[in-house]
Amino acid sequence: MKPSVSTHVLDAAGGEPARGVRVEVSFEAENHPWDTARVSDADPLVKVYTDPRPPYGVIGLTLRRESRGA
């Protein structure tokens, strides 16, 4: 299943979905996997890892009302 994002923009005065609003969502992130702290001398498949560094990024949300003449 492909991840998706949905938005619902309401007209606060009428309490109905707003018409003519274009929504753009962007997401940029960098994930930091665990770093290997130690590898067993007896069995290289046995490893100890550090705690992962926290991911960080930016989520952008842009709402634009389309011109009424379009």
N, C-alpha and C. Protein backbone atom coordinates (compact mmCIF):
# COMPACT_ATOMS: atom_id res chain seq x y z
N MET A 1 0.84 -1.17 0.00
CA MET A 1 0.00 0.00 0.00
C MET A 1 0.88 1.24 0.00
N LYS A 2 0.59 2.16 -0.88
CA LYS A 2 1.35 3.39 -0.98
C LYS A 2 0.84 4.39 0.06
N PRO A 3 1.76 4.98 0.87
CA PRO A 3 1.32 5.98 1.85
C PRO A 3 0.72 7.19 1.14
N SER A 4 -0.25 7.80 1.79
CA SER A 4 -0.88 8.98 1.20
C SER A 4 -1.22 9.99 2.28
N VAL A 5 -1.45 11.22 1.84
CA VAL A 5 -1.86 12.30 2.72
C VAL A 5 -3.12 12.90 2.12
N SER A 6 -4.12 13.13 2.95
CA SER A 6 -5.33 13.79 2.45
C SER A 6 -5.59 15.03 3.29
N THR A 7 -6.25 16.01 2.69
CA THR A 7 -6.57 17.25 3.40
C THR A 7 -8.04 17.58 3.19
N HIS A 8 -8.59 18.30 4.14
CA HIS A 8 -9.95 18.78 4.05
C HIS A 8 -9.93 20.22 4.52
N VAL A 9 -10.24 21.14 3.63
CA VAL A 9 -10.26 22.56 3.97
C VAL A 9 -11.72 22.98 4.06
N LEU A 10 -12.10 23.50 5.23
CA LEU A 10 -13.49 23.90 5.43
C LEU A 10 -13.65 25.41 5.35
N ASP A 11 -14.77 25.83 4.81
CA ASP A 11 -15.17 27.23 4.84
C ASP A 11 -15.79 27.45 6.22
N ALA A 12 -15.10 28.18 7.08
CA ALA A 12 -15.54 28.35 8.47
C ALA A 12 -16.89 29.05 8.57
N ALA A 13 -17.18 29.94 7.63
CA ALA A 13 -18.44 30.67 7.70
C ALA A 13 -19.62 29.77 7.37
N GLY A 14 -19.44 28.90 6.39
CA GLY A 14 -20.54 28.04 5.97
C GLY A 14 -20.49 26.64 6.54
N GLY A 15 -19.34 26.26 7.08
CA GLY A 15 -19.20 24.91 7.62
C GLY A 15 -19.18 23.82 6.57
N GLU A 16 -18.87 24.20 5.34
CA GLU A 16 -18.84 23.24 4.23
C GLU A 16 -17.43 23.20 3.65
N PRO A 17 -17.14 22.18 2.84
CA PRO A 17 -15.82 22.15 2.19
C PRO A 17 -15.59 23.41 1.36
N ALA A 18 -14.42 23.97 1.48
CA ALA A 18 -14.08 25.18 0.72
C ALA A 18 -13.83 24.78 -0.73
N ARG A 19 -14.28 25.60 -1.64
CA ARG A 19 -14.10 25.33 -3.07
C ARG A 19 -12.98 26.21 -3.61
N GLY A 20 -12.27 25.69 -4.60
CA GLY A 20 -11.23 26.47 -5.25
C GLY A 20 -9.97 26.65 -4.43
N VAL A 21 -9.68 25.73 -3.51
CA VAL A 21 -8.46 25.81 -2.71
C VAL A 21 -7.51 24.71 -3.17
N ARG A 22 -6.34 25.12 -3.59
CA ARG A 22 -5.32 24.16 -4.01
C ARG A 22 -4.41 23.89 -2.82
N VAL A 23 -4.14 22.62 -2.56
CA VAL A 23 -3.33 22.23 -1.41
C VAL A 23 -2.07 21.54 -1.91
N GLU A 24 -0.92 21.97 -1.41
CA GLU A 24 0.36 21.33 -1.73
C GLU A 24 1.02 20.91 -0.42
N VAL A 25 1.47 19.68 -0.36
CA VAL A 25 2.17 19.16 0.81
C VAL A 25 3.54 18.70 0.37
N SER A 26 4.58 19.09 1.11
CA SER A 26 5.93 18.62 0.80
C SER A 26 6.57 18.10 2.08
N PHE A 27 7.46 17.15 1.92
CA PHE A 27 8.11 16.54 3.06
C PHE A 27 9.55 16.22 2.70
N GLU A 28 10.47 16.71 3.48
CA GLU A 28 11.89 16.42 3.31
C GLU A 28 12.43 15.98 4.66
N ALA A 29 13.11 14.84 4.69
CA ALA A 29 13.61 14.34 5.97
C ALA A 29 14.90 13.57 5.76
N GLU A 30 15.59 13.41 6.84
CA GLU A 30 16.80 12.60 6.86
C GLU A 30 16.70 11.68 8.06
N ASN A 31 16.78 10.40 7.81
CA ASN A 31 16.69 9.42 8.88
C ASN A 31 18.09 8.94 9.24
N HIS A 32 18.36 8.83 10.52
CA HIS A 32 19.68 8.38 10.97
C HIS A 32 19.55 6.97 11.55
N PRO A 33 20.07 5.96 10.87
CA PRO A 33 19.99 4.61 11.42
C PRO A 33 20.95 4.43 12.59
N TRP A 34 20.80 3.32 13.24
CA TRP A 34 21.67 3.01 14.38
C TRP A 34 23.11 2.88 13.93
N ASP A 35 24.03 3.31 14.76
CA ASP A 35 25.46 3.11 14.52
C ASP A 35 25.91 1.87 15.28
N THR A 36 26.80 1.12 14.68
CA THR A 36 27.34 -0.07 15.34
C THR A 36 28.35 0.37 16.40
N ALA A 37 28.12 -0.05 17.65
CA ALA A 37 29.02 0.31 18.74
C ALA A 37 30.09 -0.77 18.95
N ARG A 38 29.71 -2.04 18.75
CA ARG A 38 30.66 -3.13 18.99
C ARG A 38 30.23 -4.35 18.19
N VAL A 39 31.20 -5.08 17.66
CA VAL A 39 30.97 -6.34 16.95
C VAL A 39 31.69 -7.44 17.73
N SER A 40 31.00 -8.56 17.94
CA SER A 40 31.58 -9.67 18.69
C SER A 40 32.78 -10.26 17.95
N ASP A 41 33.86 -10.52 18.68
CA ASP A 41 35.02 -11.18 18.08
C ASP A 41 34.71 -12.64 17.74
N ALA A 42 33.86 -13.27 18.54
CA ALA A 42 33.53 -14.68 18.35
C ALA A 42 32.55 -14.88 17.19
N ASP A 43 31.62 -13.96 17.02
CA ASP A 43 30.61 -14.10 15.97
C ASP A 43 30.31 -12.71 15.41
N PRO A 44 30.77 -12.41 14.20
CA PRO A 44 30.57 -11.07 13.64
C PRO A 44 29.10 -10.70 13.39
N LEU A 45 28.20 -11.69 13.48
CA LEU A 45 26.78 -11.37 13.33
C LEU A 45 26.18 -10.81 14.62
N VAL A 46 26.89 -10.96 15.73
CA VAL A 46 26.43 -10.42 17.01
C VAL A 46 27.00 -9.01 17.16
N LYS A 47 26.09 -8.05 17.24
CA LYS A 47 26.50 -6.64 17.29
C LYS A 47 25.73 -5.89 18.37
N VAL A 48 26.33 -4.84 18.86
CA VAL A 48 25.68 -3.92 19.79
C VAL A 48 25.56 -2.58 19.06
N TYR A 49 24.38 -1.99 19.13
CA TYR A 49 24.14 -0.73 18.43
C TYR A 49 23.88 0.41 19.41
N THR A 50 24.20 1.60 18.98
CA THR A 50 23.87 2.80 19.76
C THR A 50 22.40 3.13 19.55
N ASP A 51 21.88 4.00 20.38
CA ASP A 51 20.53 4.50 20.13
C ASP A 51 20.56 5.31 18.84
N PRO A 52 19.52 5.22 18.04
CA PRO A 52 19.51 6.00 16.82
C PRO A 52 19.42 7.49 17.11
N ARG A 53 20.07 8.27 16.27
CA ARG A 53 19.92 9.72 16.37
C ARG A 53 18.53 10.08 15.87
N PRO A 54 17.92 11.09 16.41
CA PRO A 54 16.55 11.41 15.99
C PRO A 54 16.50 11.87 14.54
N PRO A 55 15.44 11.48 13.83
CA PRO A 55 15.28 11.98 12.47
C PRO A 55 14.90 13.46 12.53
N TYR A 56 15.16 14.15 11.47
CA TYR A 56 14.74 15.54 11.42
C TYR A 56 14.32 15.87 10.00
N GLY A 57 13.51 16.88 9.87
CA GLY A 57 13.05 17.25 8.54
C GLY A 57 12.11 18.42 8.59
N VAL A 58 11.50 18.67 7.45
CA VAL A 58 10.59 19.80 7.29
C VAL A 58 9.33 19.30 6.59
N ILE A 59 8.18 19.68 7.12
CA ILE A 59 6.91 19.40 6.46
C ILE A 59 6.33 20.75 6.06
N GLY A 60 6.04 20.90 4.78
CA GLY A 60 5.47 22.15 4.29
C GLY A 60 4.03 21.96 3.86
N LEU A 61 3.19 22.92 4.15
CA LEU A 61 1.79 22.90 3.73
C LEU A 61 1.46 24.26 3.15
N THR A 62 1.02 24.28 1.91
CA THR A 62 0.67 25.52 1.24
C THR A 62 -0.79 25.43 0.78
N LEU A 63 -1.58 26.45 1.13
CA LEU A 63 -2.97 26.54 0.69
C LEU A 63 -3.10 27.77 -0.20
N ARG A 64 -3.66 27.59 -1.39
CA ARG A 64 -3.85 28.72 -2.30
C ARG A 64 -5.29 28.72 -2.80
N ARG A 65 -5.91 29.86 -2.71
CA ARG A 65 -7.26 29.98 -3.28
C ARG A 65 -7.10 30.32 -4.75
N GLU A 66 -7.74 29.51 -5.58
CA GLU A 66 -7.67 29.75 -7.02
C GLU A 66 -8.52 30.98 -7.35
N SER A 67 -8.11 31.70 -8.39
CA SER A 67 -8.86 32.90 -8.77
C SER A 67 -10.26 32.51 -9.22
N ARG A 68 -11.22 33.32 -8.89
CA ARG A 68 -12.61 33.01 -9.19
C ARG A 68 -12.90 33.07 -10.70
N GLY A 69 -12.06 33.79 -11.45
CA GLY A 69 -12.27 33.91 -12.89
C GLY A 69 -11.77 32.71 -13.68
N ALA A 70 -11.03 31.81 -13.05
CA ALA A 70 -10.44 30.67 -13.77
C ALA A 70 -11.43 29.55 -13.92
